């Protein structure tokens, strides 16, 4: 599917907002339930050595991150802290198993997408210039 830049940006923004809401709700449901440790233990007990699990958490050392650390000691479980949307999209669209080196490359690439956007505000800007910038 081919999208123009403006359409693509709006699409990514909508996906980002929707993903954020869904992840936030899922984490809230999991953390509110009794037996989170038991749920994780049950999930990871069903993971075979041939399976691969990539867990993304928001903060290194945060509560979710700490709960996953014991399971991340297995060679087929990867724990990524401090992710962003480009990384999630790349991981979600990849159907093959990845190596640790490929994950490190993906993480480094995703960091390049984070930047400070400085916008110079002038009184002389026209509506057309604003629309062109935001497209």
N, C-alpha and C. Protein backbone atom coordinates (compact mmCIF):
# COMPACT_ATOMS: atom_id res chain seq x y z
N UNK A 1 0.85 -1.17 0.00
CA UNK A 1 0.00 0.00 0.00
C UNK A 1 0.90 1.23 0.00
N UNK A 2 0.63 2.13 -0.89
CA UNK A 2 1.43 3.34 -1.02
C UNK A 2 0.67 4.50 -0.38
N UNK A 3 1.32 5.23 0.48
CA UNK A 3 0.70 6.37 1.15
C UNK A 3 1.56 7.61 0.95
N UNK A 4 0.92 8.74 0.75
CA UNK A 4 1.67 9.98 0.69
C UNK A 4 2.19 10.31 2.08
N UNK A 5 3.22 11.15 2.15
CA UNK A 5 3.84 11.46 3.44
C UNK A 5 2.85 11.91 4.49
N UNK A 6 1.97 12.83 4.17
CA UNK A 6 1.01 13.33 5.15
C UNK A 6 0.09 12.24 5.64
N UNK A 7 -0.39 11.41 4.73
CA UNK A 7 -1.27 10.31 5.09
C UNK A 7 -0.52 9.31 5.96
N UNK A 8 0.71 9.00 5.59
CA UNK A 8 1.53 8.06 6.35
C UNK A 8 1.77 8.57 7.76
N UNK A 9 2.08 9.85 7.89
CA UNK A 9 2.32 10.42 9.22
C UNK A 9 1.07 10.35 10.08
N UNK A 10 -0.08 10.66 9.51
CA UNK A 10 -1.34 10.58 10.26
C UNK A 10 -1.61 9.13 10.66
N UNK A 11 -1.36 8.20 9.73
CA UNK A 11 -1.56 6.77 10.01
C UNK A 11 -0.67 6.32 11.17
N UNK A 12 0.62 6.68 11.13
CA UNK A 12 1.53 6.29 12.20
C UNK A 12 1.11 6.89 13.53
N UNK A 13 0.65 8.14 13.50
CA UNK A 13 0.20 8.79 14.73
C UNK A 13 -1.00 8.03 15.31
N UNK A 14 -1.96 7.65 14.44
CA UNK A 14 -3.12 6.89 14.91
C UNK A 14 -2.71 5.54 15.46
N UNK A 15 -1.79 4.85 14.77
CA UNK A 15 -1.31 3.55 15.22
C UNK A 15 -0.60 3.71 16.57
N UNK A 16 0.22 4.75 16.70
CA UNK A 16 0.94 4.99 17.95
C UNK A 16 -0.04 5.20 19.10
N UNK A 17 -1.05 6.04 18.89
CA UNK A 17 -2.03 6.30 19.94
C UNK A 17 -2.79 5.02 20.30
N UNK A 18 -3.21 4.27 19.28
CA UNK A 18 -3.98 3.05 19.53
C UNK A 18 -3.12 2.01 20.25
N UNK A 19 -1.88 1.83 19.81
CA UNK A 19 -0.97 0.87 20.46
C UNK A 19 -0.73 1.28 21.90
N UNK A 20 -0.50 2.56 22.12
CA UNK A 20 -0.23 3.04 23.47
C UNK A 20 -1.41 2.74 24.39
N UNK A 21 -2.63 3.01 23.90
CA UNK A 21 -3.83 2.75 24.72
C UNK A 21 -3.95 1.26 25.01
N UNK A 22 -3.76 0.42 23.99
CA UNK A 22 -3.91 -1.02 24.18
C UNK A 22 -2.85 -1.58 25.14
N UNK A 23 -1.62 -1.14 24.97
CA UNK A 23 -0.55 -1.62 25.85
C UNK A 23 -0.80 -1.15 27.27
N UNK A 24 -1.19 0.10 27.42
CA UNK A 24 -1.47 0.64 28.75
C UNK A 24 -2.59 -0.13 29.43
N UNK A 25 -3.65 -0.42 28.69
CA UNK A 25 -4.78 -1.17 29.26
C UNK A 25 -4.35 -2.60 29.62
N UNK A 26 -3.58 -3.23 28.75
CA UNK A 26 -3.13 -4.60 29.01
C UNK A 26 -2.25 -4.66 30.24
N UNK A 27 -1.32 -3.73 30.36
CA UNK A 27 -0.42 -3.70 31.52
C UNK A 27 -1.23 -3.44 32.79
N UNK A 28 -2.17 -2.53 32.71
CA UNK A 28 -3.00 -2.23 33.88
C UNK A 28 -3.78 -3.47 34.31
N UNK A 29 -4.38 -4.19 33.34
CA UNK A 29 -5.13 -5.39 33.68
C UNK A 29 -4.24 -6.44 34.31
N UNK A 30 -3.06 -6.62 33.74
CA UNK A 30 -2.14 -7.63 34.27
C UNK A 30 -1.67 -7.25 35.67
N UNK A 31 -1.27 -6.00 35.85
CA UNK A 31 -0.73 -5.59 37.14
C UNK A 31 -1.80 -5.55 38.22
N UNK A 32 -3.07 -5.31 37.84
CA UNK A 32 -4.15 -5.27 38.82
C UNK A 32 -4.56 -6.66 39.28
N UNK A 33 -4.38 -7.64 38.44
CA UNK A 33 -4.78 -9.00 38.78
C UNK A 33 -3.84 -9.59 39.81
N UNK A 34 -4.43 -10.47 40.62
CA UNK A 34 -3.62 -11.24 41.54
C UNK A 34 -2.87 -12.28 40.74
N UNK A 35 -1.70 -12.65 41.20
CA UNK A 35 -1.00 -13.76 40.59
C UNK A 35 -0.24 -13.45 39.31
N UNK A 36 0.26 -12.22 39.16
CA UNK A 36 1.04 -11.89 37.97
C UNK A 36 2.24 -12.83 37.85
N UNK A 37 2.89 -13.08 38.96
CA UNK A 37 4.05 -13.97 38.93
C UNK A 37 3.66 -15.36 38.45
N UNK A 38 2.50 -15.83 38.88
CA UNK A 38 2.05 -17.15 38.46
C UNK A 38 1.71 -17.17 36.98
N UNK A 39 1.11 -16.07 36.49
CA UNK A 39 0.78 -15.98 35.06
C UNK A 39 2.04 -16.01 34.21
N UNK A 40 3.05 -15.25 34.63
CA UNK A 40 4.31 -15.25 33.88
C UNK A 40 4.98 -16.62 33.92
N UNK A 41 4.96 -17.23 35.09
CA UNK A 41 5.56 -18.56 35.24
C UNK A 41 4.86 -19.56 34.32
N UNK A 42 3.53 -19.50 34.28
CA UNK A 42 2.76 -20.40 33.41
C UNK A 42 3.07 -20.14 31.94
N UNK A 43 3.13 -18.87 31.55
CA UNK A 43 3.42 -18.52 30.15
C UNK A 43 4.79 -19.04 29.75
N UNK A 44 5.79 -18.71 30.54
CA UNK A 44 7.16 -19.08 30.16
C UNK A 44 7.42 -20.58 30.30
N UNK A 45 6.62 -21.27 31.07
CA UNK A 45 6.79 -22.72 31.16
C UNK A 45 6.34 -23.41 29.88
N UNK A 46 5.50 -22.74 29.09
CA UNK A 46 5.03 -23.30 27.83
C UNK A 46 5.94 -22.94 26.65
N UNK A 47 6.94 -22.12 26.88
CA UNK A 47 7.85 -21.71 25.82
C UNK A 47 8.93 -22.78 25.66
N UNK A 48 9.03 -23.29 24.44
CA UNK A 48 10.06 -24.32 24.19
C UNK A 48 11.37 -23.65 23.81
N UNK A 49 12.43 -24.44 23.76
CA UNK A 49 13.73 -23.90 23.37
C UNK A 49 13.75 -23.44 21.92
N UNK A 50 12.82 -23.93 21.11
CA UNK A 50 12.74 -23.54 19.70
C UNK A 50 11.99 -22.22 19.52
N UNK A 51 11.18 -21.85 20.51
CA UNK A 51 10.44 -20.59 20.45
C UNK A 51 11.38 -19.42 20.73
N UNK A 52 10.92 -18.25 20.33
CA UNK A 52 11.68 -17.04 20.63
C UNK A 52 10.70 -16.01 21.20
N UNK A 53 11.09 -15.38 22.30
CA UNK A 53 10.24 -14.39 22.95
C UNK A 53 11.03 -13.08 23.05
N UNK A 54 10.40 -12.01 22.58
CA UNK A 54 10.98 -10.68 22.71
C UNK A 54 10.00 -9.85 23.55
N UNK A 55 10.45 -9.41 24.71
CA UNK A 55 9.61 -8.63 25.62
C UNK A 55 10.14 -7.20 25.62
N UNK A 56 9.24 -6.25 25.38
CA UNK A 56 9.61 -4.83 25.42
C UNK A 56 8.96 -4.19 26.63
N UNK A 57 9.76 -3.53 27.45
CA UNK A 57 9.25 -2.83 28.62
C UNK A 57 9.59 -1.35 28.50
N UNK A 58 8.85 -0.54 29.22
CA UNK A 58 9.05 0.90 29.10
C UNK A 58 10.30 1.40 29.81
N UNK A 59 10.57 0.91 31.01
CA UNK A 59 11.68 1.43 31.80
C UNK A 59 12.60 0.32 32.28
N UNK A 60 13.89 0.53 32.12
CA UNK A 60 14.87 -0.38 32.70
C UNK A 60 14.75 -0.28 34.21
N UNK A 61 14.55 -1.41 34.87
CA UNK A 61 14.42 -1.40 36.31
C UNK A 61 13.01 -1.15 36.81
N UNK A 62 12.06 -0.89 35.89
CA UNK A 62 10.67 -0.69 36.29
C UNK A 62 10.05 -2.00 36.75
N UNK A 63 8.84 -1.93 37.28
CA UNK A 63 8.21 -3.12 37.85
C UNK A 63 8.01 -4.23 36.83
N UNK A 64 7.56 -3.89 35.63
CA UNK A 64 7.36 -4.91 34.59
C UNK A 64 8.71 -5.49 34.18
N UNK A 65 9.68 -4.64 34.02
CA UNK A 65 11.03 -5.08 33.64
C UNK A 65 11.58 -6.06 34.67
N UNK A 66 11.42 -5.76 35.94
CA UNK A 66 11.92 -6.62 37.01
C UNK A 66 11.26 -7.99 37.01
N UNK A 67 9.97 -8.02 36.65
CA UNK A 67 9.25 -9.29 36.63
C UNK A 67 9.75 -10.20 35.50
N UNK A 68 10.26 -9.62 34.42
CA UNK A 68 10.69 -10.40 33.26
C UNK A 68 12.15 -10.84 33.37
N UNK A 69 12.95 -10.11 34.12
CA UNK A 69 14.39 -10.39 34.21
C UNK A 69 14.71 -11.87 34.47
N UNK A 70 14.04 -12.54 35.41
CA UNK A 70 14.39 -13.95 35.64
C UNK A 70 14.20 -14.83 34.40
N UNK A 71 13.23 -14.50 33.57
CA UNK A 71 12.96 -15.30 32.37
C UNK A 71 13.90 -14.93 31.22
N UNK A 72 14.43 -13.72 31.26
CA UNK A 72 15.32 -13.25 30.19
C UNK A 72 16.70 -13.90 30.28
N UNK A 73 16.92 -14.72 31.28
CA UNK A 73 18.20 -15.43 31.39
C UNK A 73 18.29 -16.58 30.40
N UNK A 74 17.13 -16.98 29.84
CA UNK A 74 17.13 -18.03 28.83
C UNK A 74 17.63 -17.45 27.50
N UNK A 75 18.32 -18.25 26.71
CA UNK A 75 18.90 -17.78 25.46
C UNK A 75 17.87 -17.37 24.41
N UNK A 76 16.65 -17.88 24.53
CA UNK A 76 15.63 -17.57 23.53
C UNK A 76 14.65 -16.49 23.98
N UNK A 77 14.97 -15.81 25.10
CA UNK A 77 14.13 -14.72 25.60
C UNK A 77 14.96 -13.44 25.60
N UNK A 78 14.47 -12.42 24.91
CA UNK A 78 15.15 -11.13 24.84
C UNK A 78 14.30 -10.08 25.55
N UNK A 79 14.93 -9.25 26.33
CA UNK A 79 14.25 -8.19 27.08
C UNK A 79 14.80 -6.85 26.61
N UNK A 80 13.92 -6.02 26.07
CA UNK A 80 14.32 -4.69 25.58
C UNK A 80 13.64 -3.65 26.46
N UNK A 81 14.41 -2.77 27.05
CA UNK A 81 13.85 -1.69 27.88
C UNK A 81 13.98 -0.37 27.13
N UNK A 82 12.94 0.45 27.21
CA UNK A 82 12.98 1.78 26.60
C UNK A 82 12.76 1.74 25.10
N UNK A 83 11.71 1.10 24.65
CA UNK A 83 11.44 0.95 23.22
C UNK A 83 10.72 2.16 22.66
N UNK A 84 10.63 2.24 21.32
CA UNK A 84 9.83 3.25 20.65
C UNK A 84 9.02 2.59 19.54
N UNK A 85 8.11 3.33 18.93
CA UNK A 85 7.20 2.77 17.94
C UNK A 85 7.93 2.19 16.73
N UNK A 86 8.93 2.85 16.16
CA UNK A 86 9.62 2.23 15.02
C UNK A 86 10.19 0.85 15.34
N UNK A 87 10.71 0.69 16.54
CA UNK A 87 11.25 -0.62 16.93
C UNK A 87 10.12 -1.64 17.05
N UNK A 88 9.02 -1.27 17.68
CA UNK A 88 7.89 -2.18 17.82
C UNK A 88 7.36 -2.61 16.45
N UNK A 89 7.23 -1.66 15.54
CA UNK A 89 6.75 -1.99 14.20
C UNK A 89 7.69 -2.95 13.50
N UNK A 90 8.98 -2.71 13.60
CA UNK A 90 9.95 -3.59 12.96
C UNK A 90 9.87 -5.00 13.54
N UNK A 91 9.80 -5.10 14.85
CA UNK A 91 9.71 -6.41 15.50
C UNK A 91 8.41 -7.12 15.14
N UNK A 92 7.33 -6.37 15.10
CA UNK A 92 6.02 -6.96 14.81
C UNK A 92 5.91 -7.46 13.37
N UNK A 93 6.57 -6.78 12.46
CA UNK A 93 6.48 -7.15 11.04
C UNK A 93 7.47 -8.25 10.67
N UNK A 94 8.43 -8.51 11.52
CA UNK A 94 9.42 -9.55 11.24
C UNK A 94 8.86 -10.91 11.64
N UNK A 95 8.77 -11.81 10.68
CA UNK A 95 8.21 -13.14 10.95
C UNK A 95 9.29 -14.16 11.29
N UNK A 96 10.55 -13.81 11.08
CA UNK A 96 11.64 -14.75 11.32
C UNK A 96 12.23 -14.53 12.72
N UNK A 97 12.92 -15.54 13.19
CA UNK A 97 13.68 -15.39 14.44
C UNK A 97 14.82 -14.42 14.18
N UNK A 98 15.20 -13.70 15.22
CA UNK A 98 16.28 -12.74 15.10
C UNK A 98 17.41 -13.12 16.04
N UNK A 99 18.60 -12.69 15.69
CA UNK A 99 19.75 -12.92 16.56
C UNK A 99 19.90 -11.73 17.50
N UNK A 100 20.71 -11.91 18.51
CA UNK A 100 20.99 -10.80 19.43
C UNK A 100 21.62 -9.63 18.67
N UNK A 101 22.51 -9.93 17.74
CA UNK A 101 23.16 -8.88 16.95
C UNK A 101 22.14 -8.11 16.11
N UNK A 102 21.18 -8.82 15.52
CA UNK A 102 20.14 -8.14 14.74
C UNK A 102 19.27 -7.26 15.63
N UNK A 103 18.98 -7.72 16.84
CA UNK A 103 18.21 -6.90 17.77
C UNK A 103 18.97 -5.64 18.15
N UNK A 104 20.26 -5.79 18.41
CA UNK A 104 21.08 -4.62 18.74
C UNK A 104 21.10 -3.62 17.59
N UNK A 105 21.19 -4.12 16.36
CA UNK A 105 21.15 -3.24 15.18
C UNK A 105 19.80 -2.53 15.08
N UNK A 106 18.71 -3.26 15.32
CA UNK A 106 17.38 -2.67 15.27
C UNK A 106 17.20 -1.60 16.34
N UNK A 107 17.70 -1.86 17.52
CA UNK A 107 17.61 -0.88 18.60
C UNK A 107 18.38 0.38 18.23
N UNK A 108 19.57 0.20 17.70
CA UNK A 108 20.38 1.36 17.31
C UNK A 108 19.69 2.16 16.20
N UNK A 109 19.11 1.47 15.22
CA UNK A 109 18.38 2.15 14.14
C UNK A 109 17.20 2.93 14.69
N UNK A 110 16.49 2.33 15.64
CA UNK A 110 15.30 3.00 16.19
C UNK A 110 15.69 4.26 16.97
N UNK A 111 16.86 4.26 17.56
CA UNK A 111 17.32 5.46 18.28
C UNK A 111 17.49 6.64 17.33
N UNK A 112 17.85 6.34 16.09
CA UNK A 112 18.05 7.40 15.10
C UNK A 112 16.75 8.12 14.77
N UNK A 113 15.61 7.50 15.06
CA UNK A 113 14.31 8.11 14.79
C UNK A 113 13.90 9.10 15.87
N UNK A 114 14.63 9.14 16.95
CA UNK A 114 14.31 10.07 18.03
C UNK A 114 15.14 11.33 17.87
N UNK A 115 14.46 12.45 17.83
CA UNK A 115 15.17 13.72 17.66
C UNK A 115 14.33 14.87 18.18
N UNK A 116 14.98 15.93 18.47
CA UNK A 116 14.29 17.15 18.87
C UNK A 116 13.92 17.90 17.60
N UNK A 117 12.65 18.21 17.46
CA UNK A 117 12.19 18.95 16.29
C UNK A 117 12.04 20.40 16.71
N UNK A 118 12.80 21.24 16.08
CA UNK A 118 12.72 22.68 16.38
C UNK A 118 11.98 23.37 15.25
N UNK A 119 10.95 24.09 15.62
CA UNK A 119 10.14 24.80 14.64
C UNK A 119 10.27 26.28 14.91
N UNK A 120 10.70 27.00 13.90
CA UNK A 120 10.81 28.45 14.04
C UNK A 120 9.45 29.07 13.77
N UNK A 121 8.97 29.82 14.72
CA UNK A 121 7.66 30.45 14.58
C UNK A 121 7.85 31.88 14.12
N UNK A 122 7.20 32.20 13.03
CA UNK A 122 7.25 33.57 12.50
C UNK A 122 5.82 34.04 12.24
N UNK A 123 5.64 35.32 12.27
CA UNK A 123 4.33 35.89 12.00
C UNK A 123 4.02 35.88 10.51
N UNK A 124 5.06 35.71 9.69
CA UNK A 124 4.85 35.80 8.24
C UNK A 124 4.40 34.48 7.63
N UNK A 125 4.30 33.41 8.44
CA UNK A 125 3.91 32.10 7.91
C UNK A 125 2.47 32.12 7.40
N UNK A 126 2.28 31.50 6.25
CA UNK A 126 0.94 31.42 5.68
C UNK A 126 0.35 30.06 5.97
N UNK A 127 -0.93 29.93 5.77
CA UNK A 127 -1.63 28.67 5.97
C UNK A 127 -1.05 27.59 5.06
N UNK A 128 -0.71 27.97 3.82
CA UNK A 128 -0.15 27.01 2.88
C UNK A 128 1.22 26.50 3.35
N UNK A 129 2.05 27.41 3.91
CA UNK A 129 3.36 27.00 4.41
C UNK A 129 3.20 26.05 5.60
N UNK A 130 2.24 26.31 6.47
CA UNK A 130 2.00 25.42 7.61
C UNK A 130 1.55 24.04 7.14
N UNK A 131 0.64 24.01 6.18
CA UNK A 131 0.16 22.73 5.67
C UNK A 131 1.28 21.96 4.98
N UNK A 132 2.15 22.67 4.25
CA UNK A 132 3.27 22.03 3.57
C UNK A 132 4.23 21.44 4.58
N UNK A 133 4.49 22.16 5.68
CA UNK A 133 5.40 21.66 6.72
C UNK A 133 4.83 20.41 7.39
N UNK A 134 3.53 20.43 7.67
CA UNK A 134 2.91 19.31 8.38
C UNK A 134 2.61 18.11 7.48
N UNK A 135 2.70 18.28 6.18
CA UNK A 135 2.40 17.17 5.24
C UNK A 135 3.49 16.13 5.27
